[in-house]
């Protein structure tokens, strides 16, 4: 265990005063139900959001709040946390599952662990070190944030509000699997559509997948209408 912790410290270039904080930040509740990363994850999530928000305001002082909010969401979501975690190979250090077996680490756990690590760094070294760590690890992604990528759930919400003046309706269809490997199915519909299902290892991911399916359906519907209109125009030309 000491070798694993030492190697992780070298990876992140931070020397902990209290190694118990570092160990806790990489311990999933399936490995230790009492001393695990959940509270550090809670703290790290807030610190990450604050640091990235502050940096975005510094970089884009004239940008509207709505645009900044979308940039923030694209930088702190679970997929981005997973990307950052894999840069340092965090999945190799995480303690998960039965202590006597090598359990595969799920992507959600890896993403949660980078937030827990941020929380542990803050607890052990203070805000300045945790801020420096975040800005260093997220630097390349922040530099690319000039181009705002809008996720499927946000696109669907904007479409629904513009057309129907109401929000999409989401409902949980099912949840299954063990705690370290959950699977959620969520349905979404608009005022004039049926429900479309999406699955994922978190509720947010399932919502995104469901929203994407519904958006794809809307795009196909409009494409079909455009084709019909074009065909009608061609037939009209032939008649004339």
Protein backbone atom coordinates (compact mmCIF):
# COMPACT_ATOMS: atom_id res chain seq x y z
CA UNK A 1 0.00 0.00 0.00
CA UNK A 2 2.79 2.44 0.86
CA UNK A 3 4.34 1.89 -2.59
CA UNK A 4 1.01 2.64 -4.26
CA UNK A 5 0.58 5.87 -2.29
CA UNK A 6 4.16 6.95 -2.98
CA UNK A 7 3.75 6.32 -6.69
CA UNK A 8 0.53 8.33 -6.76
CA UNK A 9 2.22 11.24 -4.98
CA UNK A 10 4.94 11.20 -7.65
CA UNK A 11 2.29 11.13 -10.38
CA UNK A 12 0.53 14.25 -9.08
CA UNK A 13 3.74 15.87 -7.80
CA UNK A 14 2.25 16.51 -4.36
CA UNK A 15 3.70 15.22 -1.07
CA UNK A 16 0.99 14.59 1.54
CA UNK A 17 1.56 15.35 5.21
CA UNK A 18 -1.20 12.89 6.12
CA UNK A 19 -1.18 9.81 3.86
CA UNK A 20 -4.50 8.68 5.34
CA UNK A 21 -6.19 11.49 3.38
CA UNK A 22 -4.64 10.26 0.15
CA UNK A 23 -5.58 6.66 0.89
CA UNK A 24 -9.16 7.62 1.70
CA UNK A 25 -9.43 9.59 -1.59
CA UNK A 26 -8.82 6.42 -3.62
CA UNK A 27 -10.94 4.06 -1.49
CA UNK A 28 -14.39 3.14 -2.80
CA UNK A 29 -17.14 2.15 -0.36
CA UNK A 30 -17.21 -1.37 -1.82
CA UNK A 31 -13.66 -1.78 -0.47
CA UNK A 32 -14.22 -0.05 2.87
CA UNK A 33 -17.76 0.94 3.88
CA UNK A 34 -16.56 3.30 6.65
CA UNK A 35 -13.33 4.95 5.47
CA UNK A 36 -13.97 5.80 1.82
CA UNK A 37 -13.82 8.77 -0.52
CA UNK A 38 -17.48 9.89 -0.49
CA UNK A 39 -17.05 13.02 1.67
CA UNK A 40 -13.83 14.00 -0.09
CA UNK A 41 -15.68 13.63 -3.41
CA UNK A 42 -18.45 15.91 -2.11
CA UNK A 43 -15.87 18.52 -1.12
CA UNK A 44 -13.74 18.14 -4.25
CA UNK A 45 -16.75 18.58 -6.52
CA UNK A 46 -17.44 22.00 -4.96
CA UNK A 47 -13.80 23.10 -5.09
CA UNK A 48 -13.50 22.03 -8.73
CA UNK A 49 -16.63 23.99 -9.67
CA UNK A 50 -15.42 27.08 -7.82
CA UNK A 51 -11.90 27.05 -9.30
CA UNK A 52 -13.08 26.49 -12.88
CA UNK A 53 -15.84 29.12 -12.50
CA UNK A 54 -13.30 31.67 -11.24
CA UNK A 55 -10.93 30.89 -14.13
CA UNK A 56 -13.68 31.20 -16.74
CA UNK A 57 -14.68 34.63 -15.43
CA UNK A 58 -11.04 35.72 -15.65
CA UNK A 59 -10.72 34.40 -19.23
CA UNK A 60 -14.09 35.66 -20.49
CA UNK A 61 -14.96 38.83 -18.52
CA UNK A 62 -17.47 40.02 -21.14
CA UNK A 63 -19.22 36.69 -21.67
CA UNK A 64 -22.85 36.22 -20.61
CA UNK A 65 -23.65 34.09 -17.57
CA UNK A 66 -25.55 31.53 -19.63
CA UNK A 67 -22.54 30.92 -21.90
CA UNK A 68 -20.20 30.67 -18.91
CA UNK A 69 -22.56 28.16 -17.32
CA UNK A 70 -22.39 25.94 -20.42
CA UNK A 71 -18.60 26.19 -20.52
CA UNK A 72 -18.47 25.24 -16.83
CA UNK A 73 -20.79 22.26 -17.33
CA UNK A 74 -18.60 20.95 -20.18
CA UNK A 75 -15.47 21.21 -18.00
CA UNK A 76 -16.68 19.66 -14.73
CA UNK A 77 -19.02 16.89 -15.87
CA UNK A 78 -18.24 13.23 -15.16
CA UNK A 79 -16.91 12.57 -18.65
CA UNK A 80 -14.36 15.36 -18.32
CA UNK A 81 -13.39 14.21 -14.83
CA UNK A 82 -12.86 10.73 -16.27
CA UNK A 83 -10.58 12.14 -18.98
CA UNK A 84 -8.50 14.01 -16.42
CA UNK A 85 -8.31 11.00 -14.09
CA UNK A 86 -7.03 8.80 -16.91
CA UNK A 87 -4.27 11.29 -17.73
CA UNK A 88 -2.61 10.36 -14.43
CA UNK A 89 -3.76 6.72 -14.60
CA UNK A 90 -5.81 7.11 -11.43
CA UNK A 91 -7.70 3.87 -12.13
CA UNK A 92 -4.51 1.92 -11.31
CA UNK A 93 -4.52 3.25 -7.74
CA UNK A 94 -8.21 3.01 -6.77
CA UNK A 95 -9.20 0.46 -4.12
CA UNK A 96 -12.50 -1.13 -5.06
CA UNK A 97 -14.45 -4.36 -4.46
CA UNK A 98 -13.36 -7.34 -2.43
CA UNK A 99 -9.91 -6.87 -0.89
CA UNK A 100 -8.81 -10.33 -2.07
CA UNK A 101 -9.80 -9.90 -5.74
CA UNK A 102 -8.90 -7.56 -8.58
CA UNK A 103 -12.22 -5.89 -9.37
CA UNK A 104 -12.44 -3.80 -12.54
CA UNK A 105 -12.86 -0.11 -11.75
CA UNK A 106 -15.91 1.44 -13.40
CA UNK A 107 -15.67 4.79 -15.18
CA UNK A 108 -17.99 6.53 -12.72
CA UNK A 109 -15.77 5.51 -9.81
CA UNK A 110 -12.68 6.78 -11.65
CA UNK A 111 -14.41 10.12 -12.31
CA UNK A 112 -15.57 10.37 -8.69
CA UNK A 113 -12.05 9.61 -7.45
CA UNK A 114 -10.44 12.61 -9.17
CA UNK A 115 -12.91 14.85 -7.31
CA UNK A 116 -12.13 12.99 -4.08
CA UNK A 117 -8.42 13.50 -4.72
CA UNK A 118 -9.02 17.24 -5.08
CA UNK A 119 -10.87 17.20 -1.74
CA UNK A 120 -8.00 15.32 -0.09
CA UNK A 121 -5.41 17.75 -1.50
CA UNK A 122 -7.44 20.66 -0.11
CA UNK A 123 -7.72 19.01 3.32
CA UNK A 124 -3.99 18.27 3.48
CA UNK A 125 -2.38 21.18 1.61
CA UNK A 126 -4.98 23.97 1.50
CA UNK A 127 -6.75 25.88 -1.25
CA UNK A 128 -3.76 27.24 -3.18
CA UNK A 129 -2.27 23.79 -3.82
CA UNK A 130 -5.63 22.29 -4.78
CA UNK A 131 -6.31 25.23 -7.12
CA UNK A 132 -2.88 24.83 -8.73
CA UNK A 133 -3.52 21.09 -9.20
CA UNK A 134 -6.90 21.71 -10.85
CA UNK A 135 -5.65 24.43 -13.21
CA UNK A 136 -2.70 22.30 -14.21
CA UNK A 137 -4.76 19.15 -14.86
CA UNK A 138 -7.59 21.01 -16.65
CA UNK A 139 -5.32 23.45 -18.54
CA UNK A 140 -5.68 21.95 -22.02
CA UNK A 141 -9.46 21.60 -21.63
CA UNK A 142 -9.83 25.18 -20.38
CA UNK A 143 -7.83 26.40 -23.39
CA UNK A 144 -10.32 24.63 -25.66
CA UNK A 145 -13.34 26.10 -23.84
CA UNK A 146 -13.52 29.06 -26.24
CA UNK A 147 -15.73 26.83 -28.34
CA UNK A 148 -18.72 25.92 -26.20
CA UNK A 149 -20.01 22.38 -26.72
CA UNK A 150 -23.67 22.07 -25.74
CA UNK A 151 -24.70 18.65 -24.41
CA UNK A 152 -27.79 16.77 -25.57
CA UNK A 153 -29.82 17.42 -22.41
CA UNK A 154 -29.24 21.18 -22.67
CA UNK A 155 -30.08 21.19 -26.40
CA UNK A 156 -33.32 19.31 -25.74
CA UNK A 157 -34.25 21.68 -22.92
CA UNK A 158 -33.66 24.76 -25.10
CA UNK A 159 -35.68 23.22 -27.95
CA UNK A 160 -38.58 22.33 -25.64
CA UNK A 161 -38.67 25.75 -23.98
CA UNK A 162 -38.58 27.53 -27.33
CA UNK A 163 -41.29 25.39 -28.97
CA UNK A 164 -43.58 24.42 -26.07
CA UNK A 165 -42.62 26.83 -23.24
CA UNK A 166 -42.16 23.77 -21.03
CA UNK A 167 -39.34 21.48 -19.89
CA UNK A 168 -38.78 17.90 -21.11
CA UNK A 169 -40.28 15.21 -18.88
CA UNK A 170 -37.80 12.68 -17.46
CA UNK A 171 -38.71 9.56 -15.48
CA UNK A 172 -36.65 6.75 -13.96
CA UNK A 173 -37.58 3.44 -15.60
CA UNK A 174 -35.22 1.10 -13.74
CA UNK A 175 -32.01 0.83 -11.73
CA UNK A 176 -30.03 -2.37 -11.38
CA UNK A 177 -26.60 -3.81 -10.72
CA UNK A 178 -24.29 -3.67 -7.67
CA UNK A 179 -23.31 -0.37 -6.04
CA UNK A 180 -19.92 -0.28 -7.74
CA UNK A 181 -21.44 -1.08 -11.17
CA UNK A 182 -24.96 0.40 -11.36
CA UNK A 183 -27.09 0.69 -14.48
CA UNK A 184 -29.91 3.20 -14.86
CA UNK A 185 -32.58 3.48 -17.54
CA UNK A 186 -34.36 6.83 -17.86
CA UNK A 187 -37.09 7.93 -20.30
CA UNK A 188 -37.71 11.40 -21.66
CA UNK A 189 -40.49 12.95 -23.72
CA UNK A 190 -41.66 16.30 -25.02
CA UNK A 191 -45.19 17.58 -25.31
CA UNK A 192 -45.69 16.03 -28.77
CA UNK A 193 -43.48 12.91 -28.58
CA UNK A 194 -43.46 9.43 -27.10
CA UNK A 195 -40.95 8.43 -24.40
CA UNK A 196 -37.38 7.62 -25.47
CA UNK A 197 -35.17 5.45 -23.24
CA UNK A 198 -31.50 5.93 -22.41
CA UNK A 199 -29.17 3.87 -20.20
CA UNK A 200 -25.93 4.58 -18.37
CA UNK A 201 -23.88 3.92 -15.25
CA UNK A 202 -25.24 7.14 -13.70
CA UNK A 203 -28.60 8.92 -13.85
CA UNK A 204 -27.00 11.92 -15.57
CA UNK A 205 -25.49 9.75 -18.30
CA UNK A 206 -28.78 7.91 -18.80
CA UNK A 207 -30.58 11.27 -19.14
CA UNK A 208 -28.02 12.43 -21.70
CA UNK A 209 -28.42 9.24 -23.76
CA UNK A 210 -32.21 9.48 -23.64
CA UNK A 211 -32.09 13.16 -24.67
CA UNK A 212 -29.77 12.31 -27.59
CA UNK A 213 -32.17 9.62 -28.85
CA UNK A 214 -35.07 12.05 -28.74
CA UNK A 215 -33.04 14.77 -30.51
CA UNK A 216 -32.01 12.27 -33.19
CA UNK A 217 -35.67 11.39 -33.67
CA UNK A 218 -36.57 15.07 -34.10
CA UNK A 219 -33.75 15.51 -36.64
CA UNK A 220 -34.99 12.48 -38.64
CA UNK A 221 -38.54 13.83 -38.55
CA UNK A 222 -37.44 17.21 -39.93
CA UNK A 223 -35.23 15.55 -42.54
CA UNK A 224 -38.21 13.52 -43.69
CA UNK A 225 -40.34 16.65 -43.99
CA UNK A 226 -37.63 18.41 -46.03
CA UNK A 227 -37.37 15.41 -48.38
CA UNK A 228 -41.16 15.38 -48.82
CA UNK A 229 -41.22 19.10 -49.61
CA UNK A 230 -38.39 18.71 -52.15
CA UNK A 231 -40.18 15.81 -53.81
CA UNK A 232 -43.41 17.81 -54.02
CA UNK A 233 -41.53 20.71 -55.66
CA UNK A 234 -39.88 18.36 -58.19
CA UNK A 235 -43.26 16.82 -59.08
CA UNK A 236 -44.77 20.30 -59.45
CA UNK A 237 -42.00 21.33 -61.84
CA UNK A 238 -42.62 18.20 -63.93
CA UNK A 239 -46.33 18.99 -64.17
CA UNK A 240 -45.62 22.56 -65.24
